[in-house]
Amino acid sequence: YPDLYKAGIAIAAVAHFRAVLKHERDRWNRASYVYWHALLNREDFDTIEPHIDPLVRAAELKQPIYIMHGERDDIVHPTEAKRMVEALKQTNPHVESKSFLNASHSYWPYEARVVQLNEIGSFLRRYLSAQDVASAAGGP
């Protein structure tokens, strides 16, 4: 939806549904894997995959995209971010990425969070106009 989304930021995001289950790194987080197994085991998954899988649709994404991922992510393996960045860069010149060594899926040390938020602000200032920001905030 390029008319709706001017830019995108993905943090600790899944790139390819089939790859998620190859890296079951944290045994305590079984609920995540129950979800992914249920999705992949749907009878119609082969039919719906081309419509919902980010990696499969990477070539369609032309808007600026910033991908951030923690190297200690115990839910979505960091290779997901790397795989998506590689795929996007083949057809999109506006792809940025940053890896955070001490961040996990949901825990980001204070210093990493400060960097992350500053990077997000800088990225959005480069790609969104003041009118885009006002419109998203519900302003005139």
N, C-alpha and C. Protein backbone atom coordinates (compact mmCIF):
# COMPACT_ATOMS: atom_id res chain seq x y z
N TYR A 1 0.82 -1.18 0.00
CA TYR A 1 0.00 0.00 0.00
C TYR A 1 0.87 1.26 0.00
N PRO A 2 1.56 1.55 -1.11
CA PRO A 2 2.46 2.71 -1.13
C PRO A 2 1.75 4.04 -0.91
N ASP A 3 0.46 4.11 -1.22
CA ASP A 3 -0.27 5.35 -0.98
C ASP A 3 -0.60 5.53 0.51
N LEU A 4 -0.58 4.45 1.26
CA LEU A 4 -0.88 4.50 2.69
C LEU A 4 0.40 4.58 3.54
N TYR A 5 1.43 3.83 3.14
CA TYR A 5 2.68 3.77 3.91
C TYR A 5 3.80 4.44 3.14
N LYS A 6 4.34 5.51 3.70
CA LYS A 6 5.43 6.26 3.06
C LYS A 6 6.80 5.65 3.39
N ALA A 7 6.88 4.96 4.53
CA ALA A 7 8.12 4.34 4.98
C ALA A 7 7.75 3.27 6.01
N GLY A 8 8.70 2.38 6.28
CA GLY A 8 8.43 1.33 7.25
C GLY A 8 9.62 1.05 8.13
N ILE A 9 9.34 0.65 9.36
CA ILE A 9 10.38 0.26 10.31
C ILE A 9 9.98 -1.09 10.87
N ALA A 10 10.89 -2.04 10.78
CA ALA A 10 10.64 -3.38 11.33
C ALA A 10 11.64 -3.64 12.44
N ILE A 11 11.14 -4.02 13.60
CA ILE A 11 12.01 -4.31 14.74
C ILE A 11 11.73 -5.74 15.18
N ALA A 12 12.77 -6.57 15.14
CA ALA A 12 12.66 -7.97 15.54
C ALA A 12 11.56 -8.68 14.77
N ALA A 13 11.49 -8.44 13.48
CA ALA A 13 10.40 -8.96 12.66
C ALA A 13 10.77 -10.26 11.95
N VAL A 14 9.76 -11.05 11.73
CA VAL A 14 9.90 -12.28 10.94
C VAL A 14 10.00 -11.90 9.48
N ALA A 15 10.94 -12.51 8.76
CA ALA A 15 11.06 -12.27 7.32
C ALA A 15 10.42 -13.39 6.51
N HIS A 16 10.62 -14.61 6.95
CA HIS A 16 10.16 -15.76 6.17
C HIS A 16 9.58 -16.80 7.12
N PHE A 17 8.29 -17.02 7.01
CA PHE A 17 7.59 -17.88 7.98
C PHE A 17 8.20 -19.27 8.07
N ARG A 18 8.60 -19.85 6.96
CA ARG A 18 9.14 -21.22 6.99
C ARG A 18 10.47 -21.29 7.73
N ALA A 19 11.21 -20.20 7.78
CA ALA A 19 12.52 -20.19 8.44
C ALA A 19 12.42 -20.03 9.95
N VAL A 20 11.32 -19.50 10.44
CA VAL A 20 11.18 -19.23 11.87
C VAL A 20 11.42 -20.48 12.70
N LEU A 21 10.89 -21.58 12.28
CA LEU A 21 10.97 -22.80 13.10
C LEU A 21 12.33 -23.49 13.05
N LYS A 22 13.20 -23.05 12.17
CA LYS A 22 14.54 -23.66 12.09
C LYS A 22 15.43 -23.23 13.24
N HIS A 23 15.04 -22.18 13.94
CA HIS A 23 15.88 -21.62 15.00
C HIS A 23 15.14 -21.55 16.32
N GLU A 24 14.65 -22.64 16.80
CA GLU A 24 13.96 -22.64 18.09
C GLU A 24 15.02 -22.52 19.18
N ARG A 25 15.41 -21.29 19.47
CA ARG A 25 16.54 -21.03 20.34
C ARG A 25 16.20 -21.02 21.81
N ASP A 26 14.98 -20.74 22.15
CA ASP A 26 14.64 -20.58 23.56
C ASP A 26 13.47 -21.49 23.90
N ARG A 27 13.75 -22.53 24.60
CA ARG A 27 12.75 -23.54 24.90
C ARG A 27 11.64 -23.04 25.82
N TRP A 28 11.87 -21.98 26.61
CA TRP A 28 10.83 -21.50 27.51
C TRP A 28 9.73 -20.77 26.75
N ASN A 29 10.01 -20.31 25.58
CA ASN A 29 9.02 -19.53 24.84
C ASN A 29 8.25 -20.41 23.86
N ARG A 30 7.61 -21.41 24.35
CA ARG A 30 6.90 -22.37 23.51
C ARG A 30 5.67 -21.77 22.84
N ALA A 31 5.04 -20.79 23.44
CA ALA A 31 3.81 -20.22 22.86
C ALA A 31 4.06 -19.67 21.46
N SER A 32 5.20 -19.04 21.25
CA SER A 32 5.51 -18.52 19.92
C SER A 32 5.57 -19.63 18.89
N TYR A 33 6.19 -20.73 19.27
CA TYR A 33 6.35 -21.82 18.31
C TYR A 33 5.05 -22.56 18.07
N VAL A 34 4.15 -22.58 19.03
CA VAL A 34 2.83 -23.17 18.82
C VAL A 34 2.11 -22.37 17.72
N TYR A 35 2.21 -21.06 17.79
CA TYR A 35 1.58 -20.21 16.78
C TYR A 35 2.17 -20.50 15.39
N TRP A 36 3.50 -20.50 15.30
CA TRP A 36 4.13 -20.69 13.98
C TRP A 36 3.84 -22.08 13.42
N HIS A 37 3.86 -23.09 14.27
CA HIS A 37 3.52 -24.44 13.80
C HIS A 37 2.08 -24.47 13.28
N ALA A 38 1.17 -23.83 13.98
CA ALA A 38 -0.23 -23.81 13.55
C ALA A 38 -0.37 -23.12 12.19
N LEU A 39 0.34 -22.02 12.01
CA LEU A 39 0.28 -21.32 10.73
C LEU A 39 0.82 -22.19 9.60
N LEU A 40 2.00 -22.76 9.81
CA LEU A 40 2.63 -23.55 8.75
C LEU A 40 1.90 -24.85 8.45
N ASN A 41 1.15 -25.36 9.42
CA ASN A 41 0.44 -26.62 9.22
C ASN A 41 -0.98 -26.43 8.68
N ARG A 42 -1.36 -25.21 8.39
CA ARG A 42 -2.68 -24.98 7.80
C ARG A 42 -2.74 -25.69 6.45
N GLU A 43 -3.86 -26.26 6.13
CA GLU A 43 -4.01 -26.95 4.85
C GLU A 43 -3.80 -26.02 3.67
N ASP A 44 -4.15 -24.75 3.83
CA ASP A 44 -4.05 -23.81 2.72
C ASP A 44 -2.79 -22.93 2.78
N PHE A 45 -1.81 -23.31 3.61
CA PHE A 45 -0.64 -22.43 3.76
C PHE A 45 0.08 -22.22 2.43
N ASP A 46 0.24 -23.25 1.63
CA ASP A 46 0.92 -23.07 0.34
C ASP A 46 0.19 -22.06 -0.55
N THR A 47 -1.11 -21.99 -0.40
CA THR A 47 -1.91 -21.05 -1.19
C THR A 47 -1.79 -19.63 -0.66
N ILE A 48 -1.77 -19.47 0.66
CA ILE A 48 -1.74 -18.12 1.23
C ILE A 48 -0.33 -17.56 1.38
N GLU A 49 0.67 -18.41 1.43
CA GLU A 49 2.04 -17.95 1.66
C GLU A 49 2.49 -16.83 0.71
N PRO A 50 2.24 -16.93 -0.59
CA PRO A 50 2.69 -15.85 -1.47
C PRO A 50 2.04 -14.50 -1.19
N HIS A 51 0.95 -14.50 -0.44
CA HIS A 51 0.24 -13.26 -0.14
C HIS A 51 0.63 -12.67 1.21
N ILE A 52 1.20 -13.48 2.10
CA ILE A 52 1.44 -12.99 3.47
C ILE A 52 2.90 -13.03 3.90
N ASP A 53 3.76 -13.73 3.19
CA ASP A 53 5.14 -13.89 3.63
C ASP A 53 5.99 -12.68 3.20
N PRO A 54 6.58 -11.95 4.14
CA PRO A 54 7.36 -10.76 3.79
C PRO A 54 8.52 -11.03 2.82
N LEU A 55 9.26 -12.09 3.02
CA LEU A 55 10.40 -12.37 2.15
C LEU A 55 9.95 -12.65 0.73
N VAL A 56 8.88 -13.38 0.59
CA VAL A 56 8.35 -13.71 -0.74
C VAL A 56 7.92 -12.43 -1.47
N ARG A 57 7.47 -11.43 -0.71
CA ARG A 57 6.96 -10.19 -1.32
C ARG A 57 7.97 -9.04 -1.27
N ALA A 58 9.20 -9.31 -0.92
CA ALA A 58 10.20 -8.25 -0.74
C ALA A 58 10.36 -7.36 -1.97
N ALA A 59 10.32 -7.92 -3.14
CA ALA A 59 10.52 -7.13 -4.37
C ALA A 59 9.42 -6.10 -4.58
N GLU A 60 8.28 -6.27 -3.94
CA GLU A 60 7.18 -5.33 -4.08
C GLU A 60 7.36 -4.09 -3.22
N LEU A 61 8.22 -4.16 -2.22
CA LEU A 61 8.37 -3.06 -1.26
C LEU A 61 9.38 -2.04 -1.78
N LYS A 62 8.88 -0.90 -2.20
CA LYS A 62 9.71 0.15 -2.78
C LYS A 62 9.91 1.33 -1.83
N GLN A 63 9.10 1.40 -0.77
CA GLN A 63 9.22 2.49 0.17
C GLN A 63 10.50 2.33 0.99
N PRO A 64 10.99 3.43 1.58
CA PRO A 64 12.13 3.33 2.49
C PRO A 64 11.80 2.42 3.67
N ILE A 65 12.74 1.56 4.01
CA ILE A 65 12.53 0.60 5.09
C ILE A 65 13.78 0.56 5.96
N TYR A 66 13.56 0.56 7.27
CA TYR A 66 14.65 0.44 8.24
C TYR A 66 14.38 -0.82 9.05
N ILE A 67 15.34 -1.73 9.06
CA ILE A 67 15.20 -2.98 9.79
C ILE A 67 16.18 -3.00 10.95
N MET A 68 15.65 -3.24 12.16
CA MET A 68 16.47 -3.30 13.37
C MET A 68 16.25 -4.64 14.04
N HIS A 69 17.32 -5.19 14.58
CA HIS A 69 17.20 -6.50 15.22
C HIS A 69 18.26 -6.66 16.31
N GLY A 70 17.88 -7.33 17.36
CA GLY A 70 18.82 -7.64 18.44
C GLY A 70 19.53 -8.95 18.17
N GLU A 71 20.82 -8.98 18.34
CA GLU A 71 21.61 -10.19 18.08
C GLU A 71 21.35 -11.29 19.11
N ARG A 72 20.75 -10.93 20.24
CA ARG A 72 20.44 -11.94 21.27
C ARG A 72 18.96 -12.31 21.27
N ASP A 73 18.31 -12.06 20.17
CA ASP A 73 16.88 -12.35 20.06
C ASP A 73 16.65 -13.85 20.20
N ASP A 74 15.85 -14.22 21.18
CA ASP A 74 15.58 -15.63 21.45
C ASP A 74 14.23 -16.07 20.89
N ILE A 75 13.59 -15.22 20.14
CA ILE A 75 12.29 -15.56 19.55
C ILE A 75 12.40 -15.59 18.02
N VAL A 76 12.86 -14.49 17.43
CA VAL A 76 13.06 -14.41 15.98
C VAL A 76 14.56 -14.30 15.75
N HIS A 77 15.15 -15.31 15.16
CA HIS A 77 16.60 -15.36 14.98
C HIS A 77 17.08 -14.15 14.17
N PRO A 78 18.23 -13.59 14.51
CA PRO A 78 18.76 -12.42 13.79
C PRO A 78 18.98 -12.66 12.29
N THR A 79 19.12 -13.90 11.88
CA THR A 79 19.28 -14.16 10.45
C THR A 79 18.04 -13.73 9.66
N GLU A 80 16.89 -13.66 10.33
CA GLU A 80 15.67 -13.19 9.65
C GLU A 80 15.87 -11.76 9.14
N ALA A 81 16.42 -10.89 9.97
CA ALA A 81 16.65 -9.51 9.56
C ALA A 81 17.67 -9.45 8.43
N LYS A 82 18.74 -10.20 8.58
CA LYS A 82 19.78 -10.20 7.54
C LYS A 82 19.24 -10.70 6.21
N ARG A 83 18.44 -11.75 6.25
CA ARG A 83 17.85 -12.31 5.03
C ARG A 83 16.93 -11.28 4.35
N MET A 84 16.13 -10.59 5.14
CA MET A 84 15.20 -9.61 4.58
C MET A 84 15.94 -8.41 4.00
N VAL A 85 16.97 -7.95 4.69
CA VAL A 85 17.76 -6.82 4.19
C VAL A 85 18.38 -7.18 2.84
N GLU A 86 18.95 -8.36 2.73
CA GLU A 86 19.55 -8.80 1.46
C GLU A 86 18.51 -8.83 0.35
N ALA A 87 17.34 -9.38 0.63
CA ALA A 87 16.29 -9.46 -0.39
C ALA A 87 15.80 -8.08 -0.80
N LEU A 88 15.58 -7.21 0.17
CA LEU A 88 15.09 -5.86 -0.14
C LEU A 88 16.09 -5.06 -0.96
N LYS A 89 17.36 -5.17 -0.62
CA LYS A 89 18.39 -4.37 -1.31
C LYS A 89 18.53 -4.74 -2.78
N GLN A 90 18.02 -5.88 -3.18
CA GLN A 90 18.09 -6.26 -4.60
C GLN A 90 17.19 -5.38 -5.46
N THR A 91 16.12 -4.84 -4.89
CA THR A 91 15.18 -4.04 -5.68
C THR A 91 14.83 -2.69 -5.06
N ASN A 92 15.36 -2.41 -3.88
CA ASN A 92 14.99 -1.18 -3.17
C ASN A 92 16.25 -0.45 -2.70
N PRO A 93 16.51 0.73 -3.24
CA PRO A 93 17.70 1.48 -2.83
C PRO A 93 17.57 2.18 -1.48
N HIS A 94 16.38 2.13 -0.88
CA HIS A 94 16.13 2.86 0.37
C HIS A 94 15.98 1.92 1.56
N VAL A 95 16.94 1.02 1.72
CA VAL A 95 16.90 0.06 2.82
C VAL A 95 18.06 0.35 3.78
N GLU A 96 17.72 0.46 5.05
CA GLU A 96 18.74 0.66 6.08
C GLU A 96 18.55 -0.42 7.12
N SER A 97 19.63 -0.73 7.83
CA SER A 97 19.52 -1.73 8.89
C SER A 97 20.53 -1.46 9.99
N LYS A 98 20.20 -1.95 11.16
CA LYS A 98 21.11 -1.82 12.30
C LYS A 98 20.90 -3.02 13.20
N SER A 99 22.01 -3.60 13.60
CA SER A 99 22.00 -4.74 14.51
C SER A 99 22.48 -4.26 15.88
N PHE A 100 21.83 -4.75 16.94
CA PHE A 100 22.19 -4.36 18.30
C PHE A 100 22.71 -5.58 19.04
N LEU A 101 23.99 -5.57 19.40
CA LEU A 101 24.65 -6.74 19.97
C LEU A 101 24.04 -7.24 21.27
N ASN A 102 23.63 -6.34 22.15
CA ASN A 102 23.15 -6.76 23.48
C ASN A 102 21.63 -6.74 23.61
N ALA A 103 20.92 -6.61 22.51
CA ALA A 103 19.46 -6.57 22.57
C ALA A 103 18.89 -7.95 22.24
N SER A 104 17.73 -8.24 22.85
CA SER A 104 17.03 -9.49 22.55
C SER A 104 15.73 -9.13 21.81
N HIS A 105 14.76 -10.00 21.87
CA HIS A 105 13.51 -9.73 21.17
C HIS A 105 12.74 -8.59 21.83
N SER A 106 12.65 -8.61 23.13
CA SER A 106 11.87 -7.58 23.81
C SER A 106 12.69 -6.78 24.82
N TYR A 107 13.91 -7.21 25.13
CA TYR A 107 14.74 -6.46 26.07
C TYR A 107 15.85 -5.75 25.29
N TRP A 108 15.85 -4.44 25.41
CA TRP A 108 16.89 -3.62 24.80
C TRP A 108 17.51 -2.79 25.93
N PRO A 109 18.82 -2.93 26.17
CA PRO A 109 19.45 -2.11 27.20
C PRO A 109 19.21 -0.63 26.92
N TYR A 110 19.24 0.16 27.97
CA TYR A 110 18.95 1.59 27.86
C TYR A 110 19.75 2.25 26.73
N GLU A 111 21.04 2.00 26.68
CA GLU A 111 21.89 2.63 25.67
C GLU A 111 21.45 2.24 24.26
N ALA A 112 21.09 0.96 24.07
CA ALA A 112 20.63 0.50 22.75
C ALA A 112 19.29 1.14 22.41
N ARG A 113 18.42 1.28 23.39
CA ARG A 113 17.10 1.89 23.16
C ARG A 113 17.25 3.35 22.75
N VAL A 114 18.18 4.06 23.37
CA VAL A 114 18.41 5.46 23.01
C VAL A 114 18.88 5.55 21.56
N VAL A 115 19.83 4.71 21.19
CA VAL A 115 20.32 4.69 19.81
C VAL A 115 19.17 4.34 18.87
N GLN A 116 18.41 3.31 19.22
CA GLN A 116 17.30 2.88 18.39
C GLN A 116 16.32 4.03 18.14
N LEU A 117 15.89 4.69 19.19
CA LEU A 117 14.90 5.77 19.04
C LEU A 117 15.47 6.95 18.26
N ASN A 118 16.74 7.28 18.46
CA ASN A 118 17.35 8.35 17.68
C ASN A 118 17.45 7.98 16.21
N GLU A 119 17.78 6.74 15.93
CA GLU A 119 17.85 6.26 14.53
C GLU A 119 16.47 6.31 13.87
N ILE A 120 15.45 5.89 14.61
CA ILE A 120 14.08 5.94 14.08
C ILE A 120 13.69 7.38 13.77
N GLY A 121 13.96 8.29 14.69
CA GLY A 121 13.64 9.69 14.46
C GLY A 121 14.35 10.25 13.24
N SER A 122 15.62 9.96 13.10
CA SER A 122 16.39 10.43 11.96
C SER A 122 15.85 9.86 10.65
N PHE A 123 15.55 8.57 10.64
CA PHE A 123 15.02 7.91 9.46
C PHE A 123 13.68 8.54 9.04
N LEU A 124 12.80 8.73 10.00
CA LEU A 124 11.49 9.31 9.68
C LEU A 124 11.61 10.75 9.21
N ARG A 125 12.53 11.53 9.78
CA ARG A 125 12.73 12.90 9.31
C ARG A 125 13.20 12.93 7.86
N ARG A 126 14.01 11.95 7.48
CA ARG A 126 14.51 11.90 6.09
C ARG A 126 13.40 11.56 5.10
N TYR A 127 12.46 10.74 5.49
CA TYR A 127 11.51 10.22 4.53
C TYR A 127 10.06 10.69 4.68
N LEU A 128 9.74 11.36 5.76
CA LEU A 128 8.39 11.87 5.93
C LEU A 128 8.40 13.39 5.96
N SER A 129 7.42 13.96 5.29
CA SER A 129 7.29 15.42 5.32
C SER A 129 6.57 15.83 6.61
N ALA A 130 6.62 17.11 6.91
CA ALA A 130 5.91 17.62 8.09
C ALA A 130 4.41 17.37 7.94
N GLN A 131 3.93 17.43 6.71
CA GLN A 131 2.50 17.17 6.46
C GLN A 131 2.16 15.70 6.75
N ASP A 132 3.05 14.79 6.38
CA ASP A 132 2.83 13.35 6.68
C ASP A 132 2.73 13.15 8.18
N VAL A 133 3.63 13.77 8.93
CA VAL A 133 3.67 13.62 10.38
C VAL A 133 2.41 14.21 11.01
N ALA A 134 2.01 15.39 10.58
CA ALA A 134 0.80 16.02 11.12
C ALA A 134 -0.43 15.17 10.80
N SER A 135 -0.49 14.64 9.61
CA SER A 135 -1.63 13.82 9.21
C SER A 135 -1.70 12.54 10.05
N ALA A 136 -0.55 11.91 10.29
CA ALA A 136 -0.51 10.68 11.09
C ALA A 136 -0.90 10.96 12.54
N ALA A 137 -0.60 12.16 13.01
CA ALA A 137 -0.92 12.54 14.40
C ALA A 137 -2.35 13.03 14.53
N GLY A 138 -3.08 13.09 13.41
CA GLY A 138 -4.46 13.54 13.46
C GLY A 138 -4.62 15.03 13.32
N GLY A 139 -3.55 15.70 12.93
CA GLY A 139 -3.60 17.15 12.78
C GLY A 139 -4.07 17.56 11.39
N PRO A 140 -4.03 18.86 11.11
CA PRO A 140 -4.52 19.37 9.81
C PRO A 140 -3.63 18.99 8.66
